[in-house]
C-alpha atoms as a PDB file:
ATOM      1  CA  MET A   1     144.300  59.915  98.428  1.00  0.00           C
ATOM      2  CA  LYS A   2     143.118  62.481 100.975  1.00  0.00           C
ATOM      3  CA  ARG A   3     144.595  63.532 104.298  1.00  0.00           C
ATOM      4  CA  VAL A   4     142.104  63.225 107.161  1.00  0.00           C
ATOM      5  CA  ILE A   5     142.121  66.002 109.766  1.00  0.00           C
ATOM      6  CA  VAL A   6     140.422  65.412 113.120  1.00  0.00           C
ATOM      7  CA  PRO A   7     139.675  68.705 114.952  1.00  0.00           C
ATOM      8  CA  GLY A   8     141.126  68.643 118.442  1.00  0.00           C
ATOM      9  CA  THR A   9     144.185  66.619 117.456  1.00  0.00           C
ATOM     10  CA  LEU A  10     146.238  69.549 116.159  1.00  0.00           C
ATOM     11  CA  PRO A  11     146.898  73.104 117.358  1.00  0.00           C
ATOM     12  CA  THR A  12     144.054  75.583 116.870  1.00  0.00           C
ATOM     13  CA  GLY A  13     146.246  77.800 114.690  1.00  0.00           C
ATOM     14  CA  ASP A  14     146.909  74.942 112.266  1.00  0.00           C
ATOM     15  CA  LEU A  15     143.234  73.960 112.137  1.00  0.00           C
ATOM     16  CA  HIS A  16     142.382  77.626 111.554  1.00  0.00           C
ATOM     17  CA  GLN A  17     144.542  77.692 108.433  1.00  0.00           C
ATOM     18  CA  TYR A  18     143.045  74.472 107.053  1.00  0.00           C
ATOM     19  CA  LEU A  19     139.600  76.012 107.456  1.00  0.00           C
ATOM     20  CA  LEU A  20     140.622  79.318 105.873  1.00  0.00           C
ATOM     21  CA  GLY A  21     142.410  77.613 103.004  1.00  0.00           C
ATOM     22  CA  THR A  22     139.313  75.530 102.267  1.00  0.00           C
ATOM     23  CA  VAL A  23     136.483  77.996 102.847  1.00  0.00           C
ATOM     24  CA  ALA A  24     137.742  80.509 100.315  1.00  0.00           C
ATOM     25  CA  PRO A  25     137.639  82.998  98.795  1.00  0.00           C
ATOM     26  CA  ARG A  26     135.727  84.842 101.486  1.00  0.00           C
ATOM     27  CA  PRO A  27     134.318  88.373 101.229  1.00  0.00           C
ATOM     28  CA  ILE A  28     135.889  90.947 103.511  1.00  0.00           C
ATOM     29  CA  ALA A  29     133.915  93.200 105.824  1.00  0.00           C
ATOM     30  CA  LEU A  30     135.820  96.315 106.816  1.00  0.00           C
ATOM     31  CA  VAL A  31     133.822  97.085 109.963  1.00  0.00           C
ATOM     32  CA  SER A  32     133.723 100.550 111.485  1.00  0.00           C
ATOM     33  CA  THR A  33     132.444 101.108 115.014  1.00  0.00           C
ATOM     34  CA  VAL A  34     132.667 103.637 117.819  1.00  0.00           C
ATOM     35  CA  ASP A  35     133.224 102.976 121.495  1.00  0.00           C
ATOM     36  CA  ALA A  36     131.128 104.329 124.358  1.00  0.00           C
ATOM     37  CA  GLU A  37     133.107 107.591 124.227  1.00  0.00           C
ATOM     38  CA  GLY A  38     132.544 108.000 120.485  1.00  0.00           C
ATOM     39  CA  ARG A  39     136.090 107.071 119.398  1.00  0.00           C
ATOM     40  CA  SER A  40     136.187 105.292 116.046  1.00  0.00           C
ATOM     41  CA  ASN A  41     137.607 101.861 115.279  1.00  0.00           C
ATOM     42  CA  LEU A  42     138.095 100.048 111.976  1.00  0.00           C
ATOM     43  CA  ALA A  43     138.919  96.357 111.475  1.00  0.00           C
ATOM     44  CA  PRO A  44     138.667  93.776 108.649  1.00  0.00           C
ATOM     45  CA  TYR A  45     136.820  90.471 109.032  1.00  0.00           C
ATOM     46  CA  SER A  46     136.667  87.662 106.479  1.00  0.00           C
ATOM     47  CA  PHE A  47     134.433  85.378 108.531  1.00  0.00           C
ATOM     48  CA  PHE A  48     131.596  87.281 106.879  1.00  0.00           C
ATOM     49  CA  ASN A  49     128.636  86.933 104.532  1.00  0.00           C
ATOM     50  CA  ALA A  50     125.057  87.958 103.739  1.00  0.00           C
ATOM     51  CA  PHE A  51     122.461  85.592 105.198  1.00  0.00           C
ATOM     52  CA  SER A  52     119.043  87.109 104.498  1.00  0.00           C
ATOM     53  CA  SER A  53     117.433  89.670 102.204  1.00  0.00           C
ATOM     54  CA  ASN A  54     114.146  90.161 104.043  1.00  0.00           C
ATOM     55  CA  PRO A  55     115.127  91.248 106.619  1.00  0.00           C
ATOM     56  CA  PRO A  56     118.528  92.252 105.186  1.00  0.00           C
ATOM     57  CA  ILE A  57     121.016  90.491 107.454  1.00  0.00           C
ATOM     58  CA  LEU A  58     124.811  90.370 107.404  1.00  0.00           C
ATOM     59  CA  VAL A  59     126.858  88.287 109.835  1.00  0.00           C
ATOM     60  CA  PHE A  60     130.544  88.547 110.661  1.00  0.00           C
ATOM     61  CA  SER A  61     132.530  86.838 113.390  1.00  0.00           C
ATOM     62  CA  SER A  62     134.949  88.524 115.766  1.00  0.00           C
ATOM     63  CA  ASN A  63     137.036  85.649 117.084  1.00  0.00           C
ATOM     64  CA  ARG A  64     138.970  85.379 120.302  1.00  0.00           C
ATOM     65  CA  ARG A  65     142.702  85.649 119.682  1.00  0.00           C
ATOM     66  CA  VAL A  66     144.245  82.187 119.585  1.00  0.00           C
ATOM     67  CA  GLU A  67     147.463  83.182 121.345  1.00  0.00           C
ATOM     68  CA  ASP A  68     146.006  84.803 124.478  1.00  0.00           C
ATOM     69  CA  ASN A  69     142.198  84.300 124.302  1.00  0.00           C
ATOM     70  CA  THR A  70     141.504  88.051 124.338  1.00  0.00           C
ATOM     71  CA  THR A  71     138.642  89.698 122.469  1.00  0.00           C
ATOM     72  CA  LYS A  72     138.771  92.608 120.033  1.00  0.00           C
ATOM     73  CA  ASP A  73     137.704  96.236 120.119  1.00  0.00           C
ATOM     74  CA  THR A  74     135.034  95.693 117.467  1.00  0.00           C
ATOM     75  CA  LEU A  75     133.248  93.205 119.719  1.00  0.00           C
ATOM     76  CA  HIS A  76     133.489  95.535 122.716  1.00  0.00           C
ATOM     77  CA  ASN A  77     132.144  98.439 120.655  1.00  0.00           C
ATOM     78  CA  VAL A  78     129.128  96.673 119.145  1.00  0.00           C
ATOM     79  CA  ARG A  79     128.215  95.393 122.592  1.00  0.00           C
ATOM     80  CA  ALA A  80     128.367  98.949 123.906  1.00  0.00           C
ATOM     81  CA  THR A  81     126.564 100.729 121.052  1.00  0.00           C
ATOM     82  CA  GLY A  82     124.634  98.099 119.073  1.00  0.00           C
ATOM     83  CA  GLU A  83     125.773  99.652 115.782  1.00  0.00           C
ATOM     84  CA  CYS A  84     128.364  99.272 113.049  1.00  0.00           C
ATOM     85  CA  VAL A  85     129.049  99.988 109.391  1.00  0.00           C
ATOM     86  CA  VAL A  86     130.178  97.248 107.013  1.00  0.00           C
ATOM     87  CA  ASN A  87     132.382  98.718 104.282  1.00  0.00           C
ATOM     88  CA  ALA A  88     133.162  96.779 101.090  1.00  0.00           C
ATOM     89  CA  VAL A  89     136.831  96.275 100.196  1.00  0.00           C
ATOM     90  CA  SER A  90     137.843  96.964  96.601  1.00  0.00           C
ATOM     91  CA  TYR A  91     141.288  96.361  95.147  1.00  0.00           C
ATOM     92  CA  SER A  92     142.051 100.080  95.264  1.00  0.00           C
ATOM     93  CA  ILE A  93     142.001 100.064  99.084  1.00  0.00           C
ATOM     94  CA  VAL A  94     143.257  96.563  99.891  1.00  0.00           C
ATOM     95  CA  ARG A  95     146.603  97.712 101.296  1.00  0.00           C
ATOM     96  CA  GLN A  96     144.937 100.335 103.486  1.00  0.00           C
ATOM     97  CA  MET A  97     142.535  97.648 104.690  1.00  0.00           C
ATOM     98  CA  MET A  98     145.478  95.459 105.714  1.00  0.00           C
ATOM     99  CA  LEU A  99     146.881  98.290 107.841  1.00  0.00           C
ATOM    100  CA  CYS A 100     143.646  98.155 109.835  1.00  0.00           C
ATOM    101  CA  SER A 101     144.528  94.631 110.995  1.00  0.00           C
ATOM    102  CA  VAL A 102     147.500  95.942 112.982  1.00  0.00           C
ATOM    103  CA  GLU A 103     146.715  95.646 116.701  1.00  0.00           C
ATOM    104  CA  LEU A 104     146.790  99.218 117.977  1.00  0.00           C
ATOM    105  CA  PRO A 105     146.141 100.343 121.561  1.00  0.00           C
ATOM    106  CA  ALA A 106     142.464 100.750 122.467  1.00  0.00           C
ATOM    107  CA  GLY A 107     141.157 104.169 121.494  1.00  0.00           C
ATOM    108  CA  VAL A 108     143.698 104.730 118.692  1.00  0.00           C
ATOM    109  CA  SER A 109     141.838 105.355 115.426  1.00  0.00           C
ATOM    110  CA  GLU A 110     142.575 103.005 112.552  1.00  0.00           C
ATOM    111  CA  PHE A 111     141.180 105.709 110.266  1.00  0.00           C
ATOM    112  CA  ASP A 112     144.174 107.901 111.065  1.00  0.00           C
ATOM    113  CA  TRP A 113     146.551 104.933 111.064  1.00  0.00           C
ATOM    114  CA  SER A 114     145.499 103.703 107.607  1.00  0.00           C
ATOM    115  CA  GLY A 115     144.740 107.008 105.899  1.00  0.00           C
ATOM    116  CA  PHE A 116     141.027 106.323 105.473  1.00  0.00           C
ATOM    117  CA  THR A 117     138.504 109.158 105.582  1.00  0.00           C
ATOM    118  CA  GLU A 118     135.577 109.187 108.012  1.00  0.00           C
ATOM    119  CA  VAL A 119     132.142 110.167 106.674  1.00  0.00           C
ATOM    120  CA  ARG A 120     129.102 110.636 108.886  1.00  0.00           C
ATOM    121  CA  GLY A 121     126.343 108.078 108.373  1.00  0.00           C
ATOM    122  CA  GLU A 122     122.625 108.748 108.224  1.00  0.00           C
ATOM    123  CA  VAL A 123     121.316 106.555 111.035  1.00  0.00           C
ATOM    124  CA  VAL A 124     124.250 105.158 113.044  1.00  0.00           C
ATOM    125  CA  ALA A 125     127.048 106.840 114.969  1.00  0.00           C
ATOM    126  CA  ALA A 126     129.777 104.672 113.448  1.00  0.00           C
ATOM    127  CA  PRO A 127     131.486 106.404 110.498  1.00  0.00           C
ATOM    128  CA  LEU A 128     131.480 105.296 106.877  1.00  0.00           C
ATOM    129  CA  VAL A 129     134.755 104.731 105.010  1.00  0.00           C
ATOM    130  CA  ALA A 130     134.694 107.315 102.207  1.00  0.00           C
ATOM    131  CA  GLU A 131     137.074 105.311 100.013  1.00  0.00           C
ATOM    132  CA  SER A 132     134.924 102.151 100.105  1.00  0.00           C
ATOM    133  CA  PRO A 133     132.612 101.605  97.097  1.00  0.00           C
ATOM    134  CA  VAL A 134     129.703 100.415  99.281  1.00  0.00           C
ATOM    135  CA  ASN A 135     128.851 101.168 102.909  1.00  0.00           C
ATOM    136  CA  LEU A 136     126.114  99.384 104.860  1.00  0.00           C
ATOM    137  CA  GLU A 137     124.870 101.051 108.033  1.00  0.00           C
ATOM    138  CA  CYS A 138     123.707  98.396 110.469  1.00  0.00           C
ATOM    139  CA  LYS A 139     122.167  97.853 113.857  1.00  0.00           C
ATOM    140  CA  VAL A 140     123.345  94.786 115.735  1.00  0.00           C
ATOM    141  CA  ALA A 141     120.417  92.406 116.133  1.00  0.00           C
ATOM    142  CA  ASN A 142     122.230  89.694 118.076  1.00  0.00           C
ATOM    143  CA  ILE A 143     125.643  88.496 119.218  1.00  0.00           C
ATOM    144  CA  ILE A 144     126.064  84.732 119.452  1.00  0.00           C
ATOM    145  CA  THR A 145     129.011  83.421 121.472  1.00  0.00           C
ATOM    146  CA  LEU A 146     130.410  80.163 120.073  1.00  0.00           C
ATOM    147  CA  GLY A 147     132.928  79.323 122.790  1.00  0.00           C
ATOM    148  CA  GLU A 148     135.207  80.585 125.538  1.00  0.00           C
ATOM    149  CA  HIS A 149     138.616  79.445 124.283  1.00  0.00           C
ATOM    150  CA  GLY A 150     141.128  81.000 121.893  1.00  0.00           C
ATOM    151  CA  GLY A 151     139.836  80.905 118.318  1.00  0.00           C
ATOM    152  CA  ALA A 152     136.170  80.849 119.336  1.00  0.00           C
ATOM    153  CA  GLY A 153     133.921  83.156 117.369  1.00  0.00           C
ATOM    154  CA  HIS A 154     131.280  85.701 118.249  1.00  0.00           C
ATOM    155  CA  LEU A 155     128.699  85.865 115.468  1.00  0.00           C
ATOM    156  CA  ILE A 156     127.627  89.485 115.133  1.00  0.00           C
ATOM    157  CA  VAL A 157     124.244  89.544 113.406  1.00  0.00           C
ATOM    158  CA  CYS A 158     123.652  92.882 111.687  1.00  0.00           C
ATOM    159  CA  GLU A 159     120.455  94.258 110.182  1.00  0.00           C
ATOM    160  CA  VAL A 160     121.144  96.640 107.307  1.00  0.00           C
ATOM    161  CA  LEU A 161     119.449 100.036 107.717  1.00  0.00           C
ATOM    162  CA  ARG A 162     121.051 101.998 104.867  1.00  0.00           C
ATOM    163  CA  ILE A 163     123.170 101.110 101.819  1.00  0.00           C
ATOM    164  CA  HIS A 164     125.422 103.719 100.212  1.00  0.00           C
ATOM    165  CA  ILE A 165     126.651 102.699  96.724  1.00  0.00           C
ATOM    166  CA  ARG A 166     129.113 104.738  94.700  1.00  0.00           C
ATOM    167  CA  GLU A 167     127.574 105.499  91.310  1.00  0.00           C
ATOM    168  CA  ASP A 168     130.612 104.479  89.277  1.00  0.00           C
ATOM    169  CA  VAL A 169     130.316 100.807  90.304  1.00  0.00           C
ATOM    170  CA  LEU A 170     126.809 100.524  88.817  1.00  0.00           C
ATOM    171  CA  ASP A 171     126.058  99.428  85.256  1.00  0.00           C
ATOM    172  CA  ALA A 172     123.515 101.011  82.901  1.00  0.00           C
ATOM    173  CA  ASN A 173     120.713  99.079  84.629  1.00  0.00           C
ATOM    174  CA  GLY A 174     121.664 100.242  88.109  1.00  0.00           C
ATOM    175  CA  LYS A 175     123.141  96.855  89.094  1.00  0.00           C
ATOM    176  CA  ILE A 176     126.541  96.405  90.707  1.00  0.00           C
ATOM    177  CA  ASP A 177     129.092  95.505  88.026  1.00  0.00           C
ATOM    178  CA  PRO A 178     131.667  93.014  89.391  1.00  0.00           C
ATOM    179  CA  HIS A 179     134.444  94.487  87.253  1.00  0.00           C
ATOM    180  CA  ARG A 180     133.720  98.044  88.325  1.00  0.00           C
ATOM    181  CA  ILE A 181     133.434  97.299  92.032  1.00  0.00           C
ATOM    182  CA  ASP A 182     136.631  95.191  91.782  1.00  0.00           C
ATOM    183  CA  LEU A 183     136.271  93.442  95.144  1.00  0.00           C
ATOM    184  CA  VAL A 184     138.987  91.547  96.989  1.00  0.00           C
ATOM    185  CA  GLY A 185     138.473  88.227  98.798  1.00  0.00           C
ATOM    186  CA  ARG A 186     140.502  86.446 101.465  1.00  0.00           C
ATOM    187  CA  MET A 187     142.117  83.047 101.028  1.00  0.00           C
ATOM    188  CA  GLY A 188     144.242  81.080 103.492  1.00  0.00           C
ATOM    189  CA  ARG A 189     147.462  82.398 105.031  1.00  0.00           C
ATOM    190  CA  ALA A 190     148.563  85.655 103.325  1.00  0.00           C
ATOM    191  CA  PHE A 191     146.719  85.014 100.052  1.00  0.00           C
ATOM    192  CA  TYR A 192     143.997  87.200  98.563  1.00  0.00           C
ATOM    193  CA  VAL A 193     142.033  87.117  95.309  1.00  0.00           C
ATOM    194  CA  ARG A 194     140.961  89.979  93.057  1.00  0.00           C
ATOM    195  CA  ALA A 195     137.375  89.327  91.912  1.00  0.00           C
ATOM    196  CA  SER A 196     137.419  91.031  88.530  1.00  0.00           C
ATOM    197  CA  GLY A 197     138.793  90.516  85.023  1.00  0.00           C
ATOM    198  CA  ASP A 198     139.460  86.889  84.069  1.00  0.00           C
ATOM    199  CA  ALA A 199     138.607  85.740  87.611  1.00  0.00           C
ATOM    200  CA  VAL A 200     134.927  86.572  87.005  1.00  0.00           C
ATOM    201  CA  MET A 201     132.751  84.297  84.879  1.00  0.00           C
ATOM    202  CA  ALA A 202     129.059  84.377  84.076  1.00  0.00           C
ATOM    203  CA  MET A 203     127.437  80.982  84.705  1.00  0.00           C
ATOM    204  CA  PRO A 204     123.663  81.266  84.284  1.00  0.00           C
ATOM    205  CA  GLN A 205     121.738  78.188  85.407  1.00  0.00           C
ATOM    206  CA  THR A 206     117.985  77.819  85.480  1.00  0.00           C
ATOM    207  CA  GLN A 207     116.629  76.816  88.894  1.00  0.00           C
ATOM    208  CA  LYS A 208     113.407  75.256  87.624  1.00  0.00           C
ATOM    209  CA  LEU A 209     112.624  72.165  85.597  1.00  0.00           C
ATOM    210  CA  PRO A 210     112.862  71.059  82.881  1.00  0.00           C
ATOM    211  CA  VAL A 211     116.611  70.556  83.149  1.00  0.00           C
ATOM    212  CA  VAL A 212     118.406  67.690  81.395  1.00  0.00           C
ATOM    213  CA  GLY A 213     120.438  66.359  84.346  1.00  0.00           C
ATOM    214  CA  TYR A 214     123.005  63.576  84.004  1.00  0.00           C
ATOM    215  CA  PRO A 215     120.348  60.876  83.374  1.00  0.00           C
ATOM    216  CA  GLY A 216     119.213  62.788  80.273  1.00  0.00           C
ATOM    217  CA  LEU A 217     122.606  62.602  78.567  1.00  0.00           C
ATOM    218  CA  PRO A 218     123.782  59.800  76.261  1.00  0.00           C
ATOM    219  CA  GLU A 219     126.021  57.197  77.870  1.00  0.00           C
ATOM    220  CA  HIS A 220     128.966  58.078  75.620  1.00  0.00           C
ATOM    221  CA  VAL A 221     128.790  61.671  76.894  1.00  0.00           C
ATOM    222  CA  ARG A 222     128.624  60.677  80.574  1.00  0.00           C
ATOM    223  CA  GLN A 223     131.565  58.290  80.191  1.00  0.00           C
ATOM    224  CA  SER A 224     133.723  60.489  77.957  1.00  0.00           C
ATOM    225  CA  LEU A 225     137.397  60.879  78.800  1.00  0.00           C
ATOM    226  CA  GLN A 226     137.705  63.941  76.569  1.00  0.00           C
ATOM    227  CA  LEU A 227     134.854  65.962  78.070  1.00  0.00           C
ATOM    228  CA  SER A 228     135.653  67.448  81.471  1.00  0.00           C
ATOM    229  CA  ALA A 229     133.292  67.183  84.423  1.00  0.00           C
ATOM    230  CA  ASN A 230     132.403  70.840  83.850  1.00  0.00           C
ATOM    231  CA  ASP A 231     131.723  70.148  80.161  1.00  0.00           C
ATOM    232  CA  VAL A 232     129.305  67.331  80.984  1.00  0.00           C
ATOM    233  CA  ALA A 233     127.624  69.350  83.741  1.00  0.00           C
ATOM    234  CA  THR A 234     127.150  72.263  81.334  1.00  0.00           C
ATOM    235  CA  LEU A 235     125.266  69.966  78.969  1.00  0.00           C
ATOM    236  CA  ALA A 236     123.304  68.494  81.889  1.00  0.00           C
ATOM    237  CA  GLY A 237     122.281  72.008  82.943  1.00  0.00           C
ATOM    238  CA  GLY A 238     120.449  72.758  79.699  1.00  0.00           C
ATOM    239  CA  HIS A 239     116.682  72.774  79.281  1.00  0.00           C
ATOM    240  CA  SER A 240     116.767  69.895  76.787  1.00  0.00           C
ATOM    241  CA  PHE A 241     119.110  67.612  74.876  1.00  0.00           C
ATOM    242  CA  PRO A 242     118.337  67.268  71.160  1.00  0.00           C
ATOM    243  CA  GLY A 243     117.215  64.050  69.518  1.00  0.00           C
ATOM    244  CA  ARG A 244     119.591  62.252  67.162  1.00  0.00           C
ATOM    245  CA  ASP A 245     117.787  62.799  63.864  1.00  0.00           C
ATOM    246  CA  GLU A 246     117.062  66.479  64.433  1.00  0.00           C
ATOM    247  CA  ALA A 247     120.605  67.129  65.655  1.00  0.00           C
ATOM    248  CA  ARG A 248     122.200  65.292  62.739  1.00  0.00           C
ATOM    249  CA  LEU A 249     120.265  67.352  60.199  1.00  0.00           C
ATOM    250  CA  GLU A 250     121.341  70.595  61.854  1.00  0.00           C
ATOM    251  CA  VAL A 251     124.990  69.540  62.061  1.00  0.00           C
ATOM    252  CA  MET A 252     124.979  68.440  58.412  1.00  0.00           C
ATOM    253  CA  GLY A 253     123.757  71.916  57.524  1.00  0.00           C
ATOM    254  CA  ASN A 254     126.626  73.558  59.414  1.00  0.00           C
ATOM    255  CA  PRO A 255     129.638  73.791  57.051  1.00  0.00           C
ATOM    256  CA  ILE A 256     132.069  74.018  59.960  1.00  0.00           C
ATOM    257  CA  LEU A 257     130.737  71.081  61.981  1.00  0.00           C
ATOM    258  CA  ALA A 258     129.491  68.760  59.223  1.00  0.00           C
ATOM    259  CA  PRO A 259     132.951  67.237  58.592  1.00  0.00           C
ATOM    260  CA  CYS A 260     133.115  66.234  62.263  1.00  0.00           C
ATOM    261  CA  LEU A 261     130.502  63.534  61.658  1.00  0.00           C
ATOM    262  CA  THR A 262     133.181  61.376  59.998  1.00  0.00           C
ATOM    263  CA  TRP A 263     135.646  61.733  62.858  1.00  0.00           C
ATOM    264  CA  PRO A 264     136.373  59.141  65.565  1.00  0.00           C
ATOM    265  CA  LEU A 265     134.248  59.478  68.695  1.00  0.00           C
ATOM    266  CA  GLU A 266     137.151  60.792  70.782  1.00  0.00           C
ATOM    267  CA  GLU A 267     137.821  63.609  68.290  1.00  0.00           C
ATOM    268  CA  ILE A 268     134.140  64.561  68.240  1.00  0.00           C
ATOM    269  CA  HIS A 269     134.212  64.765  72.034  1.00  0.00           C
ATOM    270  CA  ARG A 270     137.283  67.016  71.909  1.00  0.00           C
ATOM    271  CA  LYS A 271     135.540  69.284  69.408  1.00  0.00           C
ATOM    272  CA  ALA A 272     132.454  69.417  71.633  1.00  0.00           C
ATOM    273  CA  SER A 273     134.651  70.386  74.581  1.00  0.00           C
ATOM    274  CA  GLU A 274     136.133  73.237  72.530  1.00  0.00           C
ATOM    275  CA  LEU A 275     132.643  74.449  71.651  1.00  0.00           C
ATOM    276  CA  ILE A 276     131.537  74.399  75.289  1.00  0.00           C
ATOM    277  CA  ARG A 277     134.605  76.340  76.424  1.00  0.00           C
ATOM    278  CA  ALA A 278     133.882  78.876  73.671  1.00  0.00           C
ATOM    279  CA  GLY A 279     130.368  79.361  75.059  1.00  0.00           C
ATOM    280  CA  ASP A 280     128.567  77.361  72.360  1.00  0.00           C
ATOM    281  CA  ALA A 281     127.072  74.526  74.396  1.00  0.00           C
ATOM    282  CA  GLU A 282     124.008  74.287  72.126  1.00  0.00           C
ATOM    283  CA  TRP A 283     126.081  73.324  69.095  1.00  0.00           C
ATOM    284  CA  ALA A 284     128.160  71.002  71.261  1.00  0.00           C
ATOM    285  CA  ALA A 285     124.944  69.249  72.316  1.00  0.00           C
ATOM    286  CA  ARG A 286     123.799  68.949  68.687  1.00  0.00           C
ATOM    287  CA  LEU A 287     127.143  67.497  67.635  1.00  0.00           C
ATOM    288  CA  LEU A 288     127.147  64.956  70.467  1.00  0.00           C
ATOM    289  CA  ALA A 289     123.495  64.045  69.946  1.00  0.00           C
ATOM    290  CA  SER A 290     124.039  63.477  66.229  1.00  0.00           C
ATOM    291  CA  ILE A 291     126.228  60.447  66.894  1.00  0.00           C
ATOM    292  CA  GLY A 292     123.577  58.824  69.040  1.00  0.00           C
END
């Protein structure tokens, strides 16, 4: 049974938390700007993502405050200067980032307040956060106003001009390693997630046919009570599903799996699930195919 929420029938603050608890985890943009007098500002935003690679576009939303419908310094600054820097938030700086969400008087630097270090950028006036693993210098391409009431967003569309990546977050191939960059994401309420260690999983999936799909799996696999939905989808995501005769010969030649052929169907399904969770979906497919 599911609870049905109708926007407009509950307070904006409550709806806000339902949205944040559902659309999660969200990346965090720690956005640095300067005002018309050159004074720096720093604020975190989790209504944020990358939306295009060519041109390279990031978008974050600076929302009107729900309680009094006021707008934030970041919005005022990007309107005045047309520039900002998006700084990535790693676990090592998450508490400093949270200090930047404290509402300080206009003109008071969150850099000083939070202990962050300002670094001059190459092409924009807004400073980089030295402690951040990645800094993206941006020009503001557009600001889209979504409403005039408390909680309404302003989509700030940013074109990336420069990317500064700390060398120690790159792997041997020059790619960003998720464990080394150790990013933090925002959930609902006061919850965050650390995107490294056991929270990170590699899930390669080919985007082009041939792919098995659910119709290509045997009925007993699709209807199994022992295989999870993820187990079945893993098998469906393969390039092919083996034929019965070929699979049976291979399983009979495997001293570990051959005894499984005499087991009840439910036990074979449980064994296949174990194989899939261990990263051996190919042998799981052979075992399941061998029983027709």
